[in-house]
Structures are given as structure tokens and as C-alpha cells.
Amino acid sequence: MKNERRLSITTAEGELRGQMDEDIYVFKGIPYAAAPTGELRWRPPQPVAPWQSVRDATQWGDASWQSRDYCVAAGGGDPGRFSEDCLYLNIWTPDTEPATPLPVMVWLHGGGFTIGAGSLDPYRGKALAAQGVIVVTLNYRLGHFGFFSHPALDAQYPPGAVVNNFALLDQIAALQWIQRNIPAFGGDRHNITLFGESSGARSVLSLCCSPLAEGLFHKGIVQSAYSLPDVPQHKAQAIGVQVATHFGLTENVSAEQLRALPADRFWPLQRPLALGPVAISGDAVLPKPMLETFMAGKQHRVPLMVGSNSDEASVLDYFGVDATAVLAQMRSKSRFSYRLIKWLYDIHDDALLGRAVARDMAFTVMPLLVAQSQHSIGMPAWRYWFDYVSENARDLYPHGTWHGNEIPYVFNTLGTLQPAERAYTANDRDFAARVSAFWVAFARDASAFSYRLQGEIDWPVWRPGEDLTMAFGSEGKPQAVLRARFMRRRLRLFRLMMRSHVRL
């Protein structure tokens, strides 16, 4: 019987009272920074004021302002109550006093930087924690509160110190909180794995390039990061001016006027008044574009696992990408490239070919690019491909695994997501347990000196010669299989095309 008294944990900021979920300790809604409201809107996160009495940590913290309907439909569920006061994290730990400190896995949720929360059902950390790790999920500022530039705001910083990527700074503040406090929960502050999906994966890659995040985490898992370029600061500032104009602020706009705008007026704004699902390059947080930094081999020296899903094209509509139009653009620019692509894919329906090409340009090429960059700096990388669809839903997903559908396998949360129809099978649930074990093995064992991960299948690091990719799911079967030179020729072509004029 675990010691009930340890439901109270003393952090640097004050005492917390959590709860038990069977054998796992759970602490919810822990503030990791001060509320970014009023004068703190569009400022770097500030320290939490310490509290004197025991703080209840049994309720989720508020999520950032967003579209509830869209999050329910595409983001993983209902994010709960909205507020600018949203900088909270949640912790699942199997033991607050382990014999040796436990590995820590910090999840950055996806949602295009506009929707999501760390409290959503697919992200519950109980099953991962039961395998001997501590899981942390968090909320961070979204939309215009997370990424924003305007001359009146930027002028408040000294030269070279402008901040526009407030969401990334929130994530950094959470990592700083973890460095201070995770030992009190049984965690190893020297073994922090940052993992995320979609915009969360882009966050992992961005923090690998941010001088402000160096040393705060020790490895990363990158799930379905897309290859869209970051927004240059000058373009972000122009959009910020358009947003102010939209709200009637056109002359001598002050930072005070911008901060006085009601919070709920921002989230409904769409393009061209929104930045899109990428960070801003050129501020103090992300001085250079993420892709440029990786291509130059100047990212932080940490091990990475990186991969994507077999039907990422399921999300391209959200990015405003017309797959058939991408193919048409290629044909107009180079008929040779178009014919070469048709030969490489052996797909003769342009709609299906465009879907596959857009998927690979937007998502599949990123793991190869990152793996090559890691190899160039002598850091290990493991590349994967997720291609498993639950047995009772394969007619709904004829092209493979949709964007984000690997998440409940990674967290082993299929049991909490049981749909009324098309129930998950025993094979599905068994495969989820096995997939999550690979993620835990990486968090527990991967280091700068690793050459393989030991597990159900020993998984060697990626090297150009062998070019090994772990396929999670093969021919519809719930199995993990190592594949050599996976999509090698087509991805080499797309890596070259990323430097050309073909744009998503």
C-alpha cells in the first residue's frame, strides 16, 4: 500500500495535494508560470507567486482560448474551460520516492498552435507511468496569444531581444519548472524526454534550435512534424498590424491598447489575419528558421526519435493544401519531375498520386531530413513509420493511419477512448501496449552514445548506408518490422525539391 501522505508534495513554490488513480499518483492544474494576463499579455512568462497553504491539484487548469467545436472534432476532445490564465501542467508518477530517480516524459500537444490542451483524454499519462516513467503534460498559449508581433510590442525590447514566440517560451518555462521540481515527484532532472505530435512535434524541433532551451531536456520524440517553413518576423509583424487594423487600431497604436483588447476576440480570426501552424523565426527564442538550423547541423546535440504516419494527407485541408494542385504545380514547373514521380509511385490516378506526394513532401521527408542532420553531427536518431489502423475501422481509413491516430497507441490510452461503435479489439490494445513500450524504452535508455534501442525488436540508430526505418504496422498486421531504404528514392527527390520553388 503506497503511503497516502505522499499525496502532498512540496515544490519550490508551495505544497500540492494530488490524488491516486489506482497505483499512479496524479497532480493536475499545477501553475508553472504566472497568469499571462493584463500587463503580462505578450510578455515572457513570469514566475509563479509562492503560496502558503496546501494547493489542491486535483482539477485540470484552464486551456488557452480556442475553438471548442474544432478541438472536439479534430483535436482530441473537449479542452474544458478557456482563459488567458492557462499556464498549467499535469503530472503522473508511479512512485514519489523511487530507489533511483525515474525518467521524465514531457508531452507537447498538437493542434496547429490553435487548439488543444494537456488534459485531453488521449494524453492521459497513467499507462505510460505504469511502465516506470513520469509523464508531464501542459497547456501553453495558443493562436495570437502564443505567436504575435506588432511594432508597438516589439519596441518594448532592447535590440536583439524581441520576443514573438510566447508559446515556445511557455514550454521553456515549463521545462525550467520541471528542472526545479521534478525530483520531488520522483523524477530524474537529468533524463528529460520532450515529445510531441504535429505542432507539438514542431515545438520539439524548434526547442532543439532555441538557444534559450539548451540543457533543459536531453532527448526528443518528433511525431508527424510538417515541413512548412517558419514565418519570418517581418511577415509576422505585417500580420500583427493587419490584426490591429481589423480591431480599429490604425494610428499611433500602443501596446496598452493591444493588451486591452478582449481575449475572446482573437481566436475566431482566420487567414490572412492568422499566422498558421508554425513558429516565427527571427526573435530571441528562434533566431534562425528551424529547417535552416537542422540543414546546417546546428541543432542541440540530443538524441531524437522521429517519424510520421501513412495517411498524413488527412490533415492537409487544415493547412490549406490542395494535393491535386501541388501535383499540377510540379507538372507546370517540370514535366520531367512529374513523369519521374509517376514512375516512382506507380500511381496513375492524379487525385491519389497528389495525396501521396503531398503527404511525403509535407511529412514523410521530415524524418529523413532530421535523421540525416543528426548523423552529420554525430547524434543518434531513430526513424519510424506508423501504418496501423484499428481492426474495426479500416473501411473508414482506406489510405492508412490518419494524422494524430498514433497518439492513443503511444500513450496506450485505447481503453479510455473506447468508441460506442467500431470497438477496439484485443489485437489493437495489445499493439498499443507494445508501441508505448518503444517510447518508454527511448525515454529510459537512449543517450548520445546509443547505437540501438533494446526491446521487442532491437532498433538500430539510423545510418545512411542501412537506412533502417521501424514500421509500426505492416500489411495490416499489428507488428513492428524493420525496413531498409524505406521510400529512399522518392524522399531523396523531395529533399532536393524542398530547396526549389515547389511550395506547399
Protein backbone atom coordinates (compact mmCIF):
# COMPACT_ATOMS: atom_id res chain seq x y z
CA MET A 1 0.00 0.00 0.00
CA LYS A 2 1.52 3.27 -1.09
CA ASN A 3 1.95 5.96 1.52
CA GLU A 4 -1.13 8.20 1.30
CA ARG A 5 0.77 11.04 2.97
CA ARG A 6 2.87 11.42 -0.15
CA LEU A 7 -0.22 12.74 -1.93
CA SER A 8 1.12 16.04 -0.63
CA ILE A 9 4.25 17.20 -2.45
CA THR A 10 6.30 20.25 -1.57
CA THR A 11 7.57 22.18 -4.59
CA ALA A 12 9.74 25.28 -4.74
CA GLU A 13 6.56 27.37 -4.99
CA GLY A 14 4.45 25.63 -2.35
CA GLU A 15 2.73 22.43 -1.27
CA LEU A 16 0.41 20.47 -3.61
CA ARG A 17 -2.23 17.88 -2.84
CA GLY A 18 -2.88 15.32 -5.59
CA GLN A 19 -4.89 12.11 -5.87
CA MET A 20 -4.44 8.42 -6.67
CA ASP A 21 -5.60 6.74 -9.89
CA GLU A 22 -5.22 3.11 -8.84
CA ASP A 23 -1.43 2.85 -8.27
CA ILE A 24 -0.48 6.10 -10.01
CA TYR A 25 -0.13 9.49 -8.30
CA VAL A 26 -1.77 12.28 -10.29
CA PHE A 27 -1.31 16.03 -9.84
CA LYS A 28 -3.38 18.31 -12.08
CA GLY A 29 -3.53 22.02 -12.81
CA ILE A 30 -0.13 22.98 -11.37
CA PRO A 31 0.79 26.56 -12.30
CA TYR A 32 4.27 26.67 -13.82
CA ALA A 33 4.24 30.42 -14.53
CA ALA A 34 2.20 33.47 -13.60
CA ALA A 35 -1.03 34.14 -15.45
CA PRO A 36 -0.07 35.91 -18.75
CA THR A 37 -2.93 38.39 -18.45
CA GLY A 38 -3.23 42.18 -18.36
CA GLU A 39 0.24 43.70 -18.49
CA LEU A 40 1.72 40.21 -18.90
CA ARG A 41 -0.12 39.51 -22.17
CA TRP A 42 2.51 39.15 -24.94
CA ARG A 43 5.34 39.09 -22.46
CA PRO A 44 7.69 36.25 -21.49
CA PRO A 45 6.20 34.03 -18.77
CA GLN A 46 6.93 35.28 -15.26
CA PRO A 47 7.49 33.26 -12.06
CA VAL A 48 4.55 31.98 -10.05
CA ALA A 49 3.94 33.76 -6.75
CA PRO A 50 4.54 31.21 -3.96
CA TRP A 51 1.53 30.09 -1.93
CA GLN A 52 1.33 29.37 1.80
CA SER A 53 -1.49 26.86 2.29
CA VAL A 54 -1.76 23.47 0.57
CA ARG A 55 -2.91 23.95 -3.05
CA ASP A 56 -5.43 21.50 -4.46
CA ALA A 57 -4.02 19.73 -7.55
CA THR A 58 -6.98 17.52 -8.46
CA GLN A 59 -8.61 19.65 -11.20
CA TRP A 60 -7.37 20.48 -14.70
CA GLY A 61 -6.15 24.01 -15.33
CA ASP A 62 -7.85 26.21 -17.91
CA ALA A 63 -6.87 25.86 -21.58
CA SER A 64 -5.91 28.75 -23.84
CA TRP A 65 -8.67 30.41 -25.88
CA GLN A 66 -9.60 28.33 -28.95
CA SER A 67 -12.47 26.84 -30.95
CA ARG A 68 -14.13 24.22 -28.75
CA ASP A 69 -16.02 22.69 -31.68
CA TYR A 70 -12.88 22.26 -33.74
CA CYS A 71 -10.94 20.77 -30.83
CA VAL A 72 -13.75 18.25 -30.18
CA ALA A 73 -13.89 17.35 -33.87
CA ALA A 74 -10.19 17.19 -34.68
CA GLY A 75 -8.07 17.96 -31.62
CA GLY A 76 -8.74 15.04 -29.29
CA GLY A 77 -11.78 16.13 -27.28
CA ASP A 78 -13.21 18.92 -25.15
CA PRO A 79 -10.40 21.13 -23.80
CA GLY A 80 -12.54 22.40 -20.90
CA ARG A 81 -12.72 25.98 -19.73
CA PHE A 82 -10.83 28.72 -21.61
CA SER A 83 -8.79 31.54 -20.16
CA GLU A 84 -5.69 33.60 -20.85
CA ASP A 85 -4.65 32.25 -17.45
CA CYS A 86 -3.66 28.89 -18.96
CA LEU A 87 -0.08 28.08 -17.95
CA TYR A 88 -0.66 24.82 -16.06
CA LEU A 89 0.85 21.35 -16.16
CA ASN A 90 -0.17 17.86 -15.02
CA ILE A 91 1.95 15.02 -13.63
CA TRP A 92 1.52 11.24 -13.44
CA THR A 93 4.12 9.40 -11.37
CA PRO A 94 4.26 5.75 -10.27
CA ASP A 95 6.41 6.48 -7.22
CA THR A 96 7.25 9.71 -5.42
CA GLU A 97 10.16 8.09 -3.58
CA PRO A 98 11.74 5.59 -6.00
CA ALA A 99 15.02 3.85 -5.26
CA THR A 100 16.52 5.64 -8.27
CA PRO A 101 15.07 8.74 -9.99
CA LEU A 102 12.66 7.98 -12.82
CA PRO A 103 12.87 9.10 -16.48
CA VAL A 104 10.57 12.02 -17.29
CA MET A 105 8.47 12.34 -20.47
CA VAL A 106 7.12 15.84 -21.21
CA TRP A 107 4.29 15.97 -23.78
CA LEU A 108 3.66 18.98 -26.03
CA HIS A 109 0.20 18.66 -27.57
CA GLY A 110 -0.55 19.38 -31.20
CA GLY A 111 -3.39 21.27 -32.83
CA GLY A 112 -1.75 23.66 -35.28
CA PHE A 113 -0.84 26.00 -32.39
CA THR A 114 -4.53 26.97 -32.28
CA ILE A 115 -6.33 24.15 -30.42
CA GLY A 116 -5.59 21.54 -27.76
CA ALA A 117 -4.77 21.08 -24.07
CA GLY A 118 -2.66 18.77 -21.95
CA SER A 119 -5.79 17.41 -20.25
CA LEU A 120 -7.36 15.75 -23.31
CA ASP A 121 -8.27 12.07 -22.94
CA PRO A 122 -5.73 10.67 -25.45
CA TYR A 123 -2.90 12.29 -23.44
CA ARG A 124 -3.64 10.72 -20.05
CA GLY A 125 -0.28 9.57 -18.68
CA LYS A 126 -1.41 6.71 -16.46
CA ALA A 127 -0.46 3.79 -18.75
CA LEU A 128 2.94 5.24 -19.59
CA ALA A 129 3.64 6.00 -15.93
CA ALA A 130 2.79 2.39 -15.05
CA GLN A 131 5.84 1.41 -17.12
CA GLY A 132 8.18 3.28 -14.81
CA VAL A 133 8.33 6.85 -16.12
CA ILE A 134 6.93 10.19 -15.01
CA VAL A 135 4.62 11.86 -17.54
CA VAL A 136 4.08 15.62 -17.70
CA THR A 137 1.52 17.30 -19.98
CA LEU A 138 0.99 21.03 -20.21
CA ASN A 139 -1.06 23.88 -21.61
CA TYR A 140 0.59 26.80 -23.37
CA ARG A 141 -0.60 29.96 -25.10
CA LEU A 142 -2.26 29.34 -28.48
CA GLY A 143 -3.14 31.37 -31.54
CA HIS A 144 -2.43 35.10 -31.40
CA PHE A 145 -1.54 34.87 -27.70
CA GLY A 146 1.14 32.28 -28.45
CA PHE A 147 2.67 33.87 -31.55
CA PHE A 148 2.38 37.59 -32.24
CA SER A 149 4.38 40.52 -33.50
CA HIS A 150 3.47 44.21 -33.71
CA PRO A 151 5.74 47.28 -33.83
CA ALA A 152 4.28 48.65 -30.59
CA LEU A 153 5.06 45.42 -28.73
CA ASP A 154 8.43 44.74 -30.34
CA ALA A 155 9.60 48.27 -29.49
CA GLN A 156 9.44 47.38 -25.78
CA TYR A 157 12.51 45.14 -26.10
CA PRO A 158 16.16 46.15 -26.48
CA PRO A 159 17.77 45.38 -29.87
CA GLY A 160 18.19 41.65 -30.44
CA ALA A 161 15.91 40.69 -27.56
CA VAL A 162 12.46 40.88 -29.18
CA VAL A 163 10.12 38.01 -28.25
CA ASN A 164 7.33 36.84 -30.57
CA ASN A 165 7.21 33.09 -29.83
CA PHE A 166 5.41 33.24 -26.49
CA ALA A 167 4.15 29.64 -26.78
CA LEU A 168 7.70 28.34 -27.13
CA LEU A 169 8.75 30.44 -24.12
CA ASP A 170 5.86 28.91 -22.16
CA GLN A 171 7.19 25.44 -23.00
CA ILE A 172 10.67 26.54 -21.90
CA ALA A 173 9.22 27.88 -18.64
CA ALA A 174 7.55 24.51 -18.04
CA LEU A 175 10.89 22.75 -18.61
CA GLN A 176 12.52 25.14 -16.13
CA TRP A 177 9.78 24.33 -13.60
CA ILE A 178 10.45 20.63 -14.17
CA GLN A 179 14.17 21.12 -13.59
CA ARG A 180 13.37 22.78 -10.25
CA ASN A 181 10.65 20.48 -9.03
CA ILE A 182 10.53 17.06 -10.68
CA PRO A 183 12.82 15.41 -8.08
CA ALA A 184 10.03 15.96 -5.52
CA PHE A 185 7.81 13.71 -7.68
CA GLY A 186 10.49 11.03 -8.03
CA GLY A 187 11.86 12.25 -11.37
CA ASP A 188 15.36 12.48 -12.81
CA ARG A 189 16.04 16.05 -13.88
CA HIS A 190 18.96 14.71 -15.94
CA ASN A 191 16.77 12.46 -18.08
CA ILE A 192 14.02 14.58 -19.63
CA THR A 193 12.41 13.44 -22.90
CA LEU A 194 10.43 16.06 -24.79
CA PHE A 195 7.82 14.51 -27.09
CA GLY A 196 5.03 15.94 -29.19
CA GLU A 197 2.84 15.48 -32.25
CA SER A 198 2.13 17.82 -35.19
CA SER A 199 2.63 21.38 -33.89
CA GLY A 200 3.87 19.75 -30.68
CA ALA A 201 6.48 17.96 -32.78
CA ARG A 202 7.36 21.24 -34.47
CA SER A 203 7.77 22.65 -30.95
CA VAL A 204 10.25 19.88 -30.10
CA LEU A 205 12.28 20.70 -33.22
CA SER A 206 12.07 24.44 -32.54
CA LEU A 207 13.31 23.97 -28.97
CA CYS A 208 16.16 21.88 -30.40
CA CYS A 209 17.13 25.11 -32.21
CA SER A 210 16.43 27.67 -29.47
CA PRO A 211 19.42 28.97 -27.50
CA LEU A 212 17.04 29.51 -24.56
CA ALA A 213 16.15 25.80 -24.29
CA GLU A 214 19.63 24.27 -24.37
CA GLY A 215 20.26 21.91 -21.45
CA LEU A 216 16.63 21.81 -20.30
CA PHE A 217 15.88 18.47 -21.98
CA HIS A 218 18.05 15.56 -23.04
CA LYS A 219 16.25 13.83 -25.92
CA GLY A 220 13.21 14.29 -28.10
CA ILE A 221 10.49 12.35 -29.91
CA VAL A 222 9.07 14.03 -33.03
CA GLN A 223 5.70 12.66 -34.19
CA SER A 224 4.40 13.92 -37.55
CA ALA A 225 6.26 17.22 -37.80
CA TYR A 226 5.41 19.04 -41.03
CA SER A 227 7.84 20.76 -43.38
CA LEU A 228 6.10 24.14 -43.71
CA PRO A 229 8.64 26.95 -43.25
CA ASP A 230 8.56 29.20 -40.18
CA VAL A 231 7.07 32.68 -40.61
CA PRO A 232 9.75 35.39 -40.94
CA GLN A 233 9.49 38.08 -38.29
CA HIS A 234 8.82 40.87 -40.80
CA LYS A 235 5.85 38.95 -42.21
CA ALA A 236 4.53 38.22 -38.70
CA GLN A 237 4.76 41.91 -37.85
CA ALA A 238 2.81 42.83 -41.00
CA ILE A 239 0.07 40.38 -39.99
CA GLY A 240 0.07 41.89 -36.50
CA VAL A 241 -0.56 45.33 -38.00
CA GLN A 242 -3.44 43.89 -40.04
CA VAL A 243 -4.92 42.36 -36.87
CA ALA A 244 -4.74 45.71 -35.06
CA THR A 245 -6.40 47.38 -38.05
CA HIS A 246 -9.14 44.76 -38.00
CA PHE A 247 -9.88 45.85 -34.43
CA GLY A 248 -9.92 49.53 -35.37
CA LEU A 249 -6.41 50.37 -34.12
CA THR A 250 -4.81 52.17 -37.05
CA GLU A 251 -2.83 55.20 -35.88
CA ASN A 252 -0.26 55.55 -33.09
CA VAL A 253 -1.17 52.12 -31.81
CA SER A 254 0.14 51.49 -28.32
CA ALA A 255 0.97 48.26 -26.51
CA GLU A 256 -1.61 49.24 -23.89
CA GLN A 257 -4.36 49.41 -26.50
CA LEU A 258 -3.44 45.97 -27.83
CA ARG A 259 -3.37 44.46 -24.35
CA ALA A 260 -6.78 45.96 -23.60
CA LEU A 261 -8.48 44.06 -26.44
CA PRO A 262 -10.86 41.34 -25.13
CA ALA A 263 -9.28 37.89 -25.13
CA ASP A 264 -12.20 36.16 -26.79
CA ARG A 265 -11.98 38.32 -29.93
CA PHE A 266 -8.79 36.73 -31.22
CA TRP A 267 -9.41 33.00 -31.59
CA PRO A 268 -12.09 33.29 -34.35
CA LEU A 269 -9.66 35.14 -36.67
CA GLN A 270 -8.65 33.14 -39.74
CA ARG A 271 -6.10 33.66 -42.50
CA PRO A 272 -4.87 36.19 -43.57
CA LEU A 273 -5.20 37.51 -40.01
CA ALA A 274 -3.65 34.35 -38.51
CA LEU A 275 -0.07 33.13 -38.74
CA GLY A 276 -0.68 29.48 -39.47
CA PRO A 277 0.68 26.36 -37.77
CA VAL A 278 4.35 27.39 -37.46
CA ALA A 279 6.58 29.48 -35.23
CA ILE A 280 8.10 32.89 -36.03
CA SER A 281 11.77 32.97 -36.99
CA GLY A 282 13.97 35.91 -36.13
CA ASP A 283 13.22 36.64 -32.47
CA ALA A 284 15.29 35.85 -29.37
CA VAL A 285 13.59 32.47 -28.95
CA LEU A 286 14.12 31.20 -32.51
CA PRO A 287 16.78 33.39 -34.13
CA LYS A 288 17.02 31.24 -37.28
CA PRO A 289 14.36 29.16 -39.07
CA MET A 290 14.15 25.64 -37.67
CA LEU A 291 14.63 23.90 -41.04
CA GLU A 292 17.64 26.07 -41.85
CA THR A 293 19.20 25.24 -38.48
CA PHE A 294 18.78 21.48 -38.94
CA MET A 295 20.05 21.58 -42.53
CA ALA A 296 23.15 23.38 -41.23
CA GLY A 297 23.62 20.81 -38.45
CA LYS A 298 23.43 23.46 -35.73
CA GLN A 299 20.69 21.97 -33.57
CA HIS A 300 21.27 21.00 -29.94
CA ARG A 301 23.16 17.74 -29.50
CA VAL A 302 20.38 15.48 -28.21
CA PRO A 303 19.15 12.05 -29.44
CA LEU A 304 15.93 12.11 -31.44
CA MET A 305 13.24 9.63 -32.49
CA VAL A 306 11.31 10.95 -35.49
CA GLY A 307 8.58 9.60 -37.73
CA SER A 308 5.24 10.08 -39.45
CA ASN A 309 2.03 8.26 -40.40
CA SER A 310 0.91 6.57 -43.61
CA ASP A 311 -2.02 8.92 -44.32
CA GLU A 312 -0.88 12.31 -43.08
CA ALA A 313 -2.69 13.79 -46.09
CA SER A 314 -5.82 13.52 -43.93
CA VAL A 315 -4.85 16.87 -42.35
CA LEU A 316 -3.70 18.80 -45.41
CA ASP A 317 -7.03 20.58 -45.82
CA TYR A 318 -6.37 22.26 -42.46
CA PHE A 319 -3.06 23.57 -43.80
CA GLY A 320 -4.82 24.92 -46.88
CA VAL A 321 -3.03 22.41 -49.12
CA ASP A 322 -4.79 21.12 -52.24
CA ALA A 323 -2.95 17.87 -53.00
CA THR A 324 -4.02 17.81 -56.65
CA ALA A 325 -2.90 21.44 -57.05
CA VAL A 326 0.54 20.54 -55.66
CA LEU A 327 0.85 17.91 -58.35
CA ALA A 328 -0.29 20.36 -61.02
CA GLN A 329 2.31 22.85 -59.83
CA MET A 330 5.00 20.23 -60.21
CA ARG A 331 3.79 19.36 -63.71
CA SER A 332 3.86 23.02 -64.78
CA LYS A 333 7.36 23.60 -63.42
CA SER A 334 8.95 20.38 -64.63
CA ARG A 335 7.29 17.73 -66.73
CA PHE A 336 10.36 15.57 -66.18
CA SER A 337 9.84 15.67 -62.39
CA TYR A 338 6.16 14.88 -62.86
CA ARG A 339 6.93 11.84 -65.03
CA LEU A 340 9.63 10.75 -62.60
CA ILE A 341 7.18 10.95 -59.70
CA LYS A 342 4.57 8.90 -61.57
CA TRP A 343 7.24 6.27 -62.20
CA LEU A 344 8.45 6.28 -58.56
CA TYR A 345 4.94 5.88 -57.14
CA ASP A 346 3.33 3.80 -59.87
CA ILE A 347 0.01 5.55 -59.09
CA HIS A 348 -1.94 6.64 -62.17
CA ASP A 349 -4.90 8.42 -60.56
CA ASP A 350 -3.83 12.06 -60.11
CA ALA A 351 -6.01 12.55 -57.02
CA LEU A 352 -4.43 9.56 -55.26
CA LEU A 353 -0.96 10.43 -56.56
CA GLY A 354 -1.34 14.02 -55.36
CA ARG A 355 -2.44 12.76 -51.95
CA ALA A 356 0.67 10.57 -51.62
CA VAL A 357 3.05 13.22 -52.98
CA ALA A 358 1.66 15.97 -50.71
CA ARG A 359 1.89 13.61 -47.73
CA ASP A 360 5.52 12.84 -48.43
CA MET A 361 6.53 16.43 -49.15
CA ALA A 362 4.73 17.75 -46.07
CA PHE A 363 5.50 14.96 -43.60
CA THR A 364 7.48 11.89 -44.73
CA VAL A 365 10.57 13.80 -45.83
CA MET A 366 11.00 15.46 -42.41
CA PRO A 367 12.13 12.33 -40.53
CA LEU A 368 14.75 11.64 -43.20
CA LEU A 369 15.97 15.23 -43.13
CA VAL A 370 16.25 15.18 -39.33
CA ALA A 371 17.93 11.76 -39.29
CA GLN A 372 20.49 12.89 -41.86
CA SER A 373 21.17 16.06 -39.87
CA GLN A 374 21.57 14.09 -36.64
CA HIS A 375 24.02 11.73 -38.34
CA SER A 376 26.02 14.70 -39.64
CA ILE A 377 26.66 15.95 -36.09
CA GLY A 378 27.27 12.51 -34.58
CA MET A 379 23.98 12.32 -32.68
CA PRO A 380 21.74 9.23 -32.82
CA ALA A 381 18.33 9.25 -34.47
CA TRP A 382 15.70 6.55 -34.82
CA ARG A 383 13.26 6.81 -37.72
CA TYR A 384 9.78 5.25 -37.72
CA TRP A 385 6.71 4.90 -39.96
CA PHE A 386 3.28 4.31 -38.38
CA ASP A 387 0.88 2.33 -40.55
CA TYR A 388 -1.59 0.57 -38.28
CA VAL A 389 -5.36 1.12 -38.32
CA SER A 390 -7.63 -0.41 -35.68
CA GLU A 391 -9.20 -3.60 -36.98
CA ASN A 392 -12.85 -2.47 -36.88
CA ALA A 393 -12.26 0.91 -38.59
CA ARG A 394 -10.29 0.05 -41.70
CA ASP A 395 -13.12 0.92 -44.06
CA LEU A 396 -13.03 4.46 -42.60
CA TYR A 397 -9.28 4.84 -43.22
CA PRO A 398 -8.62 3.27 -46.64
CA HIS A 399 -5.35 5.15 -47.16
CA GLY A 400 -3.74 4.29 -43.82
CA THR A 401 -3.15 5.95 -40.44
CA TRP A 402 -4.54 9.48 -40.19
CA HIS A 403 -2.62 12.38 -38.76
CA GLY A 404 -2.67 12.00 -34.96
CA ASN A 405 -4.12 8.48 -34.88
CA GLU A 406 -0.90 7.03 -33.47
CA ILE A 407 -1.29 9.04 -30.24
CA PRO A 408 -3.53 6.62 -28.28
CA TYR A 409 -1.10 3.84 -29.20
CA VAL A 410 1.85 5.86 -27.92
CA PHE A 411 0.05 6.67 -24.67
CA ASN A 412 -1.67 3.25 -24.55
CA THR A 413 -4.98 5.02 -23.96
CA LEU A 414 -7.22 2.99 -26.27
CA GLY A 415 -9.03 1.70 -23.20
CA THR A 416 -10.10 5.23 -22.22
CA LEU A 417 -11.27 6.06 -25.76
CA GLN A 418 -13.48 3.02 -26.43
CA PRO A 419 -15.99 4.19 -29.09
CA ALA A 420 -19.60 3.09 -28.95
CA GLU A 421 -19.21 1.58 -32.43
CA ARG A 422 -16.16 0.00 -34.03
CA ALA A 423 -14.73 -1.00 -30.68
CA TYR A 424 -11.02 -1.57 -30.33
CA THR A 425 -10.06 -5.24 -30.44
CA ALA A 426 -7.73 -7.25 -28.25
CA ASN A 427 -5.13 -7.03 -31.05
CA ASP A 428 -5.44 -3.24 -31.12
CA ARG A 429 -4.97 -2.97 -27.36
CA ASP A 430 -2.05 -5.38 -27.35
CA PHE A 431 -0.36 -3.41 -30.11
CA ALA A 432 -0.83 -0.16 -28.17
CA ALA A 433 0.96 -1.68 -25.19
CA ARG A 434 3.83 -2.75 -27.42
CA VAL A 435 4.11 0.61 -29.22
CA SER A 436 4.16 2.54 -25.95
CA ALA A 437 6.94 0.25 -24.71
CA PHE A 438 9.18 1.50 -27.54
CA TRP A 439 8.55 5.12 -26.48
CA VAL A 440 9.32 4.26 -22.86
CA ALA A 441 12.49 2.41 -23.88
CA PHE A 442 13.69 5.53 -25.70
CA ALA A 443 12.93 7.74 -22.69
CA ARG A 444 14.62 5.34 -20.32
CA ASP A 445 17.67 4.24 -22.29
CA ALA A 446 18.52 6.50 -25.26
CA SER A 447 21.65 8.60 -24.89
CA ALA A 448 24.16 10.38 -27.07
CA PHE A 449 26.20 7.17 -27.06
CA SER A 450 23.41 4.74 -28.01
CA TYR A 451 23.67 2.65 -31.15
CA ARG A 452 20.42 0.73 -30.68
CA LEU A 453 17.31 0.52 -28.51
CA GLN A 454 16.73 -2.89 -26.94
CA GLY A 455 13.19 -4.23 -26.84
CA GLU A 456 10.74 -6.50 -28.61
CA ILE A 457 12.91 -5.81 -31.67
CA ASP A 458 16.35 -4.31 -31.26
CA TRP A 459 16.13 -0.99 -33.10
CA PRO A 460 19.45 0.29 -34.53
CA VAL A 461 20.10 4.01 -34.91
CA TRP A 462 19.60 5.45 -38.38
CA ARG A 463 22.66 5.41 -40.64
CA PRO A 464 22.80 6.41 -44.31
CA GLY A 465 24.04 3.04 -45.50
CA GLU A 466 21.49 0.78 -43.81
CA ASP A 467 18.79 3.47 -43.82
CA LEU A 468 16.60 1.46 -41.41
CA THR A 469 13.07 2.54 -40.50
CA MET A 470 10.87 0.88 -37.88
CA ALA A 471 7.42 0.26 -39.37
CA PHE A 472 4.72 0.10 -36.70
CA GLY A 473 2.11 -1.95 -38.54
CA SER A 474 2.84 -3.99 -41.64
CA GLU A 475 0.32 -5.27 -44.20
CA GLY A 476 -2.47 -4.59 -41.73
CA LYS A 477 -0.90 -6.71 -39.02
CA PRO A 478 -0.14 -5.40 -35.51
CA GLN A 479 3.59 -5.93 -35.77
CA ALA A 480 6.80 -3.92 -35.73
CA VAL A 481 9.15 -4.56 -38.66
CA LEU A 482 12.48 -3.01 -39.60
CA ARG A 483 12.50 -1.84 -43.22
CA ALA A 484 15.66 -0.95 -45.14
CA ARG A 485 15.87 2.03 -47.52
CA PHE A 486 12.22 2.92 -46.95
CA MET A 487 10.98 5.31 -49.69
CA ARG A 488 14.62 6.11 -50.33
CA ARG A 489 14.47 7.30 -53.95
CA ARG A 490 11.36 9.42 -53.70
CA LEU A 491 12.42 11.08 -50.45
CA ARG A 492 15.81 12.00 -51.89
CA LEU A 493 13.93 13.73 -54.69
CA PHE A 494 11.69 15.62 -52.26
CA ARG A 495 14.62 16.72 -50.16
CA LEU A 496 16.08 18.34 -53.27
CA MET A 497 12.70 19.83 -54.14
CA MET A 498 12.46 21.48 -50.71
CA ARG A 499 15.21 23.77 -51.95
CA SER A 500 13.38 24.55 -55.19
CA HIS A 501 10.30 26.61 -55.99
CA VAL A 502 7.72 23.92 -55.28
CA ARG A 503 5.86 25.02 -52.17
CA LEU A 504 3.10 23.51 -50.09
